[in-house]
Every structure is written in C-alpha cells, then in structure tokens.
Protein backbone atom coordinates (compact mmCIF):
# COMPACT_ATOMS: atom_id res chain seq x y z
CA MET A 1 -86.73 -32.61 45.61
CA ALA A 2 -88.95 -29.94 44.11
CA ILE A 3 -90.53 -30.46 40.68
CA ASN A 4 -89.96 -27.65 38.19
CA PHE A 5 -93.48 -26.10 37.99
CA ASP A 6 -93.05 -24.71 34.47
CA LYS A 7 -91.63 -28.01 33.20
CA PHE A 8 -94.65 -29.89 34.49
CA VAL A 9 -97.07 -27.37 33.00
CA GLU A 10 -95.25 -27.65 29.65
CA TRP A 11 -95.40 -31.40 29.83
CA ALA A 12 -99.12 -31.40 30.83
CA GLU A 13 -100.09 -29.04 27.98
CA SER A 14 -98.31 -31.31 25.47
CA ARG A 15 -100.22 -34.43 26.76
CA PHE A 16 -103.68 -33.14 27.71
CA SER A 17 -106.05 -31.14 25.52
CA ASP A 18 -107.51 -28.98 28.34
CA VAL A 19 -105.25 -27.80 31.16
CA ILE A 20 -106.34 -25.45 33.97
CA VAL A 21 -103.77 -23.76 36.22
CA LYS A 22 -105.03 -22.51 39.55
CA GLY A 23 -102.31 -21.22 41.82
CA ASN A 24 -99.98 -24.14 42.69
CA GLU A 25 -102.41 -26.68 41.18
CA ILE A 26 -102.89 -27.96 37.67
CA HIS A 27 -106.27 -29.56 36.88
CA LEU A 28 -106.48 -32.22 34.18
CA ASN A 29 -109.04 -34.64 32.82
CA SER A 30 -108.26 -37.84 34.68
CA ILE A 31 -106.52 -40.73 32.89
CA PHE A 32 -108.09 -43.09 35.42
CA SER A 33 -111.72 -42.60 34.29
CA ASP A 34 -113.89 -41.22 31.55
CA ASP A 35 -113.48 -37.63 32.64
CA THR A 36 -114.39 -34.22 31.18
CA LYS A 37 -114.58 -32.19 34.42
CA HIS A 38 -110.84 -32.05 35.43
CA HIS A 39 -110.95 -34.47 38.31
CA LEU A 40 -107.18 -35.05 38.22
CA TRP A 41 -105.51 -32.47 40.42
CA CYS A 42 -101.71 -32.12 40.31
CA ASN A 43 -99.46 -30.09 42.67
CA PRO A 44 -95.71 -29.82 41.87
CA THR A 45 -95.03 -28.39 45.33
CA GLY A 46 -96.27 -31.56 46.98
CA GLY A 47 -99.35 -30.04 48.61
CA LYS A 48 -99.75 -29.33 52.30
CA LYS A 49 -97.15 -31.95 53.28
CA SER A 50 -94.68 -30.72 50.64
CA ARG A 51 -94.01 -34.24 49.33
CA ASP A 52 -90.96 -34.81 47.21
CA PHE A 53 -91.63 -35.11 43.46
CA GLY A 54 -95.08 -33.51 43.74
CA VAL A 55 -98.47 -35.23 44.00
CA TYR A 56 -101.52 -36.08 41.92
CA HIS A 57 -105.01 -37.03 43.11
CA CYS A 58 -107.95 -38.23 41.06
CA TRP A 59 -111.03 -37.11 42.98
CA LYS A 60 -113.22 -39.50 40.92
CA THR A 61 -111.29 -42.75 41.53
CA ASP A 62 -109.21 -41.70 44.59
CA GLN A 63 -106.04 -42.66 42.70
CA LYS A 64 -102.97 -40.92 44.18
CA GLY A 65 -99.25 -40.75 43.64
CA SER A 66 -96.23 -38.67 42.74
CA LEU A 67 -95.96 -36.65 39.55
CA VAL A 68 -92.98 -38.85 38.55
CA LYS A 69 -95.26 -41.83 38.60
CA LEU A 70 -97.94 -39.91 36.57
CA VAL A 71 -95.39 -39.09 33.87
CA GLN A 72 -94.28 -42.71 33.81
CA LEU A 73 -97.86 -43.84 33.37
CA VAL A 74 -98.73 -41.38 30.62
CA ASP A 75 -95.44 -41.54 28.69
CA LYS A 76 -94.76 -45.20 29.43
CA CYS A 77 -91.16 -44.26 30.29
CA SER A 78 -88.57 -45.10 32.93
CA ARG A 79 -88.24 -43.26 36.25
CA GLU A 80 -85.05 -41.59 35.12
CA GLU A 81 -86.74 -40.28 31.92
CA ALA A 82 -89.67 -39.01 33.98
CA LEU A 83 -87.27 -37.22 36.39
CA SER A 84 -85.47 -35.61 33.48
CA THR A 85 -88.82 -34.23 32.23
CA LEU A 86 -89.86 -32.81 35.60
CA LEU A 87 -86.51 -31.58 36.88
CA GLY A 88 -85.26 -30.12 33.65
CA TYR A 89 -82.09 -32.06 33.10
CA GLN A 90 -81.00 -34.50 30.36
CA THR A 91 -80.44 -38.24 30.84
CA ILE A 92 -77.36 -39.86 29.45
CA ALA A 93 -79.48 -41.49 26.71
CA GLN A 94 -80.83 -38.07 25.71
CA LEU A 95 -77.35 -36.61 25.70
CA GLU A 96 -76.06 -39.44 23.53
CA LYS A 97 -78.94 -38.82 21.09
CA LYS A 98 -78.13 -35.18 21.03
CA LEU A 99 -74.53 -36.03 20.21
CA ASP A 100 -75.60 -38.28 17.36
CA GLU A 101 -77.73 -35.58 15.92
CA PHE A 102 -74.97 -33.02 16.21
CA PHE A 103 -72.45 -35.18 14.39
CA ASN A 104 -74.98 -36.09 11.71
CA ASP A 105 -75.53 -32.40 11.03
CA GLN A 106 -71.83 -31.76 10.44
CA SER A 107 -70.66 -31.71 6.87
CA GLU A 108 -67.08 -32.22 7.99
CA VAL A 109 -65.10 -33.07 11.13
CA ILE A 110 -64.70 -30.12 13.48
CA GLU A 111 -61.07 -29.23 13.91
CA GLU A 112 -59.46 -26.47 15.96
CA PRO A 113 -59.54 -23.11 14.17
CA LYS A 114 -56.69 -22.30 11.86
CA GLN A 115 -55.16 -18.90 11.91
CA LYS A 116 -57.55 -16.52 10.09
CA SER A 117 -56.20 -14.05 7.65
CA GLY A 118 -56.03 -10.85 9.55
CA LEU A 119 -55.93 -12.56 13.00
CA GLN A 120 -53.07 -10.96 14.83
CA LEU A 121 -52.27 -9.62 18.24
CA PRO A 122 -53.59 -6.07 18.95
CA TYR A 123 -51.70 -3.24 17.35
CA GLY A 124 -49.09 -1.96 19.82
CA SER A 125 -48.55 -5.36 21.54
CA ASN A 126 -45.05 -6.17 22.69
CA LEU A 127 -43.59 -9.15 24.52
CA ILE A 128 -43.10 -7.87 28.04
CA SER A 129 -39.69 -9.53 28.17
CA ASP A 130 -38.57 -7.64 25.08
CA LEU A 131 -39.20 -4.16 26.60
CA GLY A 132 -36.47 -2.39 28.48
CA THR A 133 -36.47 -2.82 32.24
CA ASN A 134 -37.26 0.87 32.69
CA ASN A 135 -40.20 0.81 30.30
CA TRP A 136 -43.36 2.18 32.00
CA PHE A 137 -45.66 -0.47 30.49
CA ARG A 138 -43.27 -3.30 31.40
CA LYS A 139 -43.07 -2.04 34.98
CA HIS A 140 -46.81 -1.95 35.48
CA ALA A 141 -47.40 -5.25 33.68
CA GLU A 142 -44.70 -6.95 35.77
CA ASP A 143 -46.14 -5.42 38.96
CA TYR A 144 -49.61 -6.76 38.17
CA LEU A 145 -48.34 -10.25 37.26
CA SER A 146 -46.01 -10.46 40.22
CA ARG A 147 -48.97 -9.88 42.57
CA ARG A 148 -50.57 -12.93 41.00
CA LYS A 149 -47.22 -14.83 40.92
CA ILE A 150 -47.52 -15.21 37.14
CA PRO A 151 -44.22 -15.07 35.13
CA ILE A 152 -44.03 -12.73 32.18
CA ASP A 153 -42.80 -15.37 29.78
CA GLY A 154 -44.80 -15.42 26.56
CA LEU A 155 -47.16 -12.66 27.62
CA TYR A 156 -47.57 -9.34 25.86
CA VAL A 157 -48.55 -5.84 26.95
CA CYS A 158 -50.40 -3.46 24.61
CA MET A 159 -49.37 0.18 24.47
CA GLU A 160 -52.02 1.40 22.04
CA GLN A 161 -55.80 1.86 22.13
CA PRO A 162 -58.22 0.15 22.22
CA TYR A 163 -56.24 -2.42 24.16
CA LYS A 164 -53.90 -0.04 25.94
CA PHE A 165 -52.81 -1.04 29.51
CA ARG A 166 -53.85 -4.64 28.85
CA ILE A 167 -51.82 -7.85 29.20
CA VAL A 168 -52.40 -9.89 26.07
CA ILE A 169 -52.56 -13.70 26.42
CA PRO A 170 -52.03 -15.55 23.12
CA TYR A 171 -53.75 -18.82 22.29
CA TYR A 172 -51.74 -21.32 20.19
CA GLY A 173 -52.96 -24.45 18.33
CA ARG A 174 -51.25 -27.84 18.33
CA ASP A 175 -49.10 -26.69 15.43
CA GLY A 176 -47.90 -23.66 17.37
CA ARG A 177 -49.80 -21.11 15.30
CA LEU A 178 -51.82 -18.25 16.81
CA ILE A 179 -55.51 -19.11 16.85
CA TYR A 180 -56.89 -16.54 19.31
CA TRP A 181 -55.99 -14.17 22.13
CA ASN A 182 -57.52 -12.57 25.20
CA SER A 183 -56.50 -9.43 27.10
CA ARG A 184 -56.70 -8.47 30.79
CA HIS A 185 -56.68 -4.85 31.92
CA ILE A 186 -53.92 -4.03 34.36
CA SER A 187 -56.13 -1.74 36.47
CA PRO A 188 -58.46 -3.47 38.95
CA LYS A 189 -60.92 -0.55 38.46
CA ALA A 190 -61.41 -1.21 34.77
CA LYS A 191 -65.10 -1.70 33.88
CA LEU A 192 -64.25 -4.30 31.21
CA ARG A 193 -61.56 -6.53 32.65
CA TYR A 194 -61.27 -8.94 29.74
CA LEU A 195 -61.48 -8.14 26.07
CA GLY A 196 -60.88 -10.41 23.08
CA PRO A 197 -60.52 -9.83 19.37
CA PRO A 198 -63.29 -8.10 17.42
CA LYS A 199 -65.93 -10.32 15.85
CA GLU A 200 -64.57 -9.55 12.40
CA CYS A 201 -61.57 -11.79 13.04
CA GLY A 202 -63.92 -14.79 12.58
CA VAL A 203 -62.98 -16.64 15.80
CA GLY A 204 -64.73 -16.41 19.20
CA LYS A 205 -63.71 -17.83 22.58
CA GLU A 206 -66.30 -20.55 22.13
CA ASP A 207 -64.25 -21.88 19.17
CA VAL A 208 -60.95 -22.36 21.01
CA ILE A 209 -59.27 -23.80 24.05
CA TYR A 210 -56.46 -21.95 25.85
CA MET A 211 -53.61 -24.36 26.58
CA ALA A 212 -51.06 -23.33 29.21
CA GLY A 213 -47.92 -24.50 27.46
CA ASN A 214 -47.76 -27.16 24.82
CA TRP A 215 -50.79 -29.31 23.95
CA PRO A 216 -50.35 -32.69 25.80
CA GLN A 217 -50.53 -36.00 24.01
CA LYS A 218 -54.00 -37.46 23.50
CA GLY A 219 -55.17 -39.59 26.46
CA LYS A 220 -53.36 -37.49 29.03
CA THR A 221 -55.04 -35.94 32.04
CA LEU A 222 -55.99 -32.30 31.45
CA TYR A 223 -57.13 -29.90 34.20
CA LEU A 224 -59.74 -27.50 32.82
CA CYS A 225 -60.09 -24.04 34.38
CA GLU A 226 -62.26 -21.00 33.67
CA GLY A 227 -59.55 -18.40 32.96
CA GLU A 228 -56.06 -18.29 31.56
CA PHE A 229 -54.32 -17.19 34.74
CA ASN A 230 -55.84 -20.10 36.66
CA ALA A 231 -54.60 -22.49 33.95
CA ILE A 232 -51.14 -20.88 34.16
CA SER A 233 -51.20 -21.31 37.92
CA LEU A 234 -51.86 -25.06 37.59
CA LYS A 235 -49.15 -25.35 34.99
CA LEU A 236 -46.76 -23.88 37.44
CA CYS A 237 -47.74 -26.68 39.75
CA GLU A 238 -46.63 -29.14 37.10
CA LEU A 239 -50.11 -30.06 35.87
CA SER A 240 -51.27 -30.03 32.23
CA ALA A 241 -53.84 -27.25 32.33
CA ALA A 242 -56.25 -25.46 29.95
CA ALA A 243 -59.02 -22.88 30.11
CA CYS A 244 -62.29 -22.54 28.17
CA GLY A 245 -62.63 -18.83 28.76
CA GLY A 246 -65.47 -18.81 31.29
CA LYS A 247 -68.12 -20.97 32.97
CA ASN A 248 -69.75 -22.18 29.78
CA MET A 249 -68.58 -24.69 27.26
CA SER A 250 -69.55 -24.97 23.57
CA GLU A 251 -69.99 -28.21 21.61
CA LYS A 252 -66.85 -27.37 19.67
CA GLN A 253 -64.80 -27.05 22.84
CA ALA A 254 -66.20 -30.32 24.23
CA ILE A 255 -65.11 -32.08 21.00
CA MET A 256 -61.61 -30.57 21.21
CA LEU A 257 -61.32 -31.99 24.76
CA SER A 258 -62.78 -35.41 24.01
CA ASP A 259 -59.30 -36.93 23.56
CA TYR A 260 -58.25 -36.14 27.12
CA LYS A 261 -59.05 -37.32 30.61
CA VAL A 262 -60.62 -34.10 31.73
CA VAL A 263 -60.69 -32.86 35.35
CA ILE A 264 -63.06 -29.92 35.68
CA CYS A 265 -61.44 -27.21 37.85
CA LEU A 266 -63.85 -24.22 37.95
CA ASP A 267 -64.05 -21.54 40.63
CA ARG A 268 -65.47 -22.04 44.09
CA ASP A 269 -68.46 -19.77 43.71
CA LYS A 270 -72.05 -20.81 42.89
CA ALA A 271 -71.64 -19.90 39.22
CA GLY A 272 -68.57 -22.18 39.11
CA SER A 273 -70.69 -24.99 40.53
CA GLN A 274 -73.44 -24.50 37.93
CA GLY A 275 -70.84 -24.21 35.22
CA SER A 276 -69.24 -27.46 36.37
CA ALA A 277 -72.58 -29.31 36.10
CA LYS A 278 -73.20 -28.00 32.61
CA MET A 279 -69.67 -28.90 31.47
CA MET A 280 -70.08 -32.42 32.76
CA ASN A 281 -73.19 -32.85 30.63
CA MET A 282 -71.50 -31.22 27.63
CA LEU A 283 -68.38 -33.36 27.93
CA SER A 284 -70.48 -36.48 28.23
CA LEU A 285 -71.73 -35.70 24.71
CA SER A 286 -68.29 -36.03 23.23
CA LYS A 287 -67.01 -39.19 24.92
CA ASN A 288 -68.21 -42.61 25.90
CA ILE A 289 -68.29 -42.49 29.71
CA ASN A 290 -67.50 -45.85 31.35
CA SER A 291 -65.89 -47.23 34.43
CA ASN A 292 -62.42 -46.95 32.96
CA ASP A 293 -62.69 -43.42 31.61
CA LYS A 294 -64.53 -41.13 34.01
CA LEU A 295 -64.94 -37.39 34.08
CA MET A 296 -63.39 -35.88 37.17
CA PHE A 297 -63.85 -32.61 39.04
CA VAL A 298 -62.18 -30.73 41.91
CA ARG A 299 -62.83 -27.39 43.60
CA PRO A 300 -60.57 -25.03 45.62
CA PRO A 301 -61.03 -25.14 49.42
CA GLU A 302 -63.59 -22.82 50.92
CA GLN A 303 -61.20 -19.96 51.72
CA TYR A 304 -60.19 -19.49 48.08
CA ASN A 305 -62.42 -18.50 45.16
CA ASP A 306 -60.10 -19.71 42.44
CA TRP A 307 -56.79 -21.57 41.85
CA ASN A 308 -54.71 -18.48 41.42
CA GLU A 309 -55.76 -17.22 44.86
CA MET A 310 -54.72 -20.54 46.35
CA TYR A 311 -51.45 -20.67 44.39
CA ILE A 312 -50.51 -17.20 45.70
CA GLU A 313 -51.14 -18.27 49.26
CA VAL A 314 -49.87 -21.88 49.52
CA GLY A 315 -47.54 -22.38 46.53
CA ALA A 316 -47.14 -25.09 43.93
CA VAL A 317 -46.41 -28.16 46.05
CA ILE A 318 -49.44 -27.85 48.32
CA LEU A 319 -51.80 -26.91 45.48
CA ASN A 320 -50.63 -29.92 43.39
CA ALA A 321 -51.18 -32.23 46.39
CA TRP A 322 -54.67 -30.78 47.08
CA ILE A 323 -55.85 -31.33 43.54
CA LYS A 324 -54.46 -34.84 43.32
CA GLN A 325 -56.01 -35.81 46.65
CA LYS A 326 -59.39 -34.09 46.26
CA GLN A 327 -60.33 -34.75 42.67
CA LYS A 328 -63.35 -37.04 42.35
CA ALA A 329 -65.13 -38.89 39.62
CA VAL A 330 -68.51 -37.70 38.34
CA ASP A 331 -71.31 -40.10 39.18
CA PHE A 332 -73.65 -40.12 36.20
CA LEU A 333 -76.06 -42.43 38.09
CA ALA A 334 -76.68 -39.83 40.75
CA PRO A 335 -79.59 -37.31 40.46
CA HIS A 336 -78.95 -34.73 37.73
CA GLY A 337 -76.11 -36.91 36.42
CA MET A 338 -73.50 -35.62 38.95
CA SER A 339 -72.24 -36.26 42.38
CA GLY A 340 -73.70 -34.79 45.56
CA ASP A 341 -70.52 -32.72 46.06
CA ILE A 342 -71.53 -30.61 43.10
CA LEU A 343 -75.25 -30.69 43.88
CA GLY A 344 -74.58 -29.21 47.33
CA PHE A 345 -73.48 -25.96 45.81
CA LEU A 346 -76.40 -25.44 43.36
C-alpha cells in the first residue's frame, strides 16, 4: 500500500526543523542519535524493493523500519492513527471529533430548509399531466421519460427560457412544501444537462435531500442514489429511495439522513466508488456506528452504470431482488474505513 508522498513530507516538515527532499527520498536528522547531518533517510515508495508503507533507515545507528512505525515512534500514536496520517484518510475517532466540533459551532439545530420567499418553480412550468395530449412539450417530455421508464406523475415541463425544454423535478420537505427543484434538459445533446434554481433563491442542492415520494418514518431503511431519476427508479421497485444530487454529500445532508438506515447506492463508475467512500465517512459523522446499526452499500452489476439503466433492462422485481441480495455492510475496521469491495474500484 503506497504512502502518500505529499502527506509524509507535510508530516515531516511539521515534526522536524530541517527537511531535505531529494527525488523520492526525504532526509531528516535522526531521532535515534544526536544528529545534525540528516542521517535518517525516508522513502515513501519503499525503496528498491517497493516495500509497503515505505521505509526509513538511520545510517548512523542502522535502525530500519516502515514509515508507519516511524510516525508511531515520533507521535506516540496507534498504528491506525499513523496510517491515517500517511494515507490521507480519517480515523473514526477523528471523524467523531470533527462531528463534535461541527455541532459545537452550531448556534441552533440544523433543520431541513423551509420554503424561501421567492422560491418557486421556473416561470412557464406546467405539470406534464395537466397539458393536453397533443401539446408539443408534453409529447417530447413523455417521450424522454418513457425511454427511461419514468412516469410523468408529479413532474413538470418548462415552456419558457431559461429552463425551456427541461423536465422540472420538485423537492418537497416532510411537511409537503416545496424546498428545492432540479431540471433535466430533454435533449441528450444539451451542454448543461441539469440546472437548478439561481443562487438568489437562498437554497442549494447541498442543503436538501430529494425524496422519491413521501419521507419515510425515522429508523426506516433508505436507499440513497446520486440523481433523482435513479431514486425514482428504486421507488418504482418498492424501495424507499432518495438522492443527494451528485457524488458528494454535505454535512447538512448527512445530518438529515442520520435518522435512517442508509444504503449507499451510487453509480458503477470510478467516481461513484470514490463518492461512496466519502459518503461513508460523512455519514459516520452524523450517527453512532455499531454492530446493530451499520451503514450499507450496494452497486449495480458491471453491465449497468446506474440503477435507471438496470431498471429499464430488467424491471422492478429483478432490480429489487439484486439490491436486497447484494447490499453489504461497511466495515469501518478495514483499511480506509471501508470494505474491500469499495476499495477495489478506487
């Protein structure tokens, strides 16, 4: 497992007064002797034999070992803490500390956004189902959605700029009020596929969670996707599903999800894998992870990039069965705080 070179240099510079970097090597004054001539040589790549966790060698005392051990000796810390320093990830203890700091900085409890004055659907938006069957916009919106096997119920189409030719997806809070919306261009050639409200509305996608259908009761299992259409696809498979609007998760979103048993369901691609790892860490901030309440994750099979693709191909029954069978618990004791199934895609 390769040590993060920059992380080690950053650590060394914070612990030693005089650091010399020469190619792959970092030269330090040895901690094993009275040294002023940089006898301690460190190599994060592992040297000629490419050893895991890098190597150090004191040429004055012939002391040798891994860089993990060196960090443990200097910082007087555990192996896990040393690994977090050198590999650039956070331990559960560090994440819990960050959570405490986050809550202590809050002047009030974070709640889901209320409807802002002026927050409304784009001008020219109409429920697709309210338009006449011969309406040009309805026909094209229905055609696009039918290819993705998404029903038109509750979805809008905009007939005016700047959101013209876009399907508008409203976000509703627990009380049923509009809290946000997103829009998807009907044309596959559009340069900007998704477009949300202007910043002036006061709410961004990092402030909200899209819930496909009604918000479930606290404590229920919730399948978390990237996009709204993936969440709708899982809802059509009789699963409670939500979307966080992408591969990243904010602290506010993590807190909103802390009342649920979350199953992370991001896309199959590498970015989805990286996003899954980040979300696992973020969600661990907002809940006490124990043997009875574990974070879960599941990914589409290799031939599908996302859940909507799979839903189109195999239908609701098979997709539901796949998710129920393949979802796995996150192992926070594994390297990086996640299971090897996720690590294999990074």
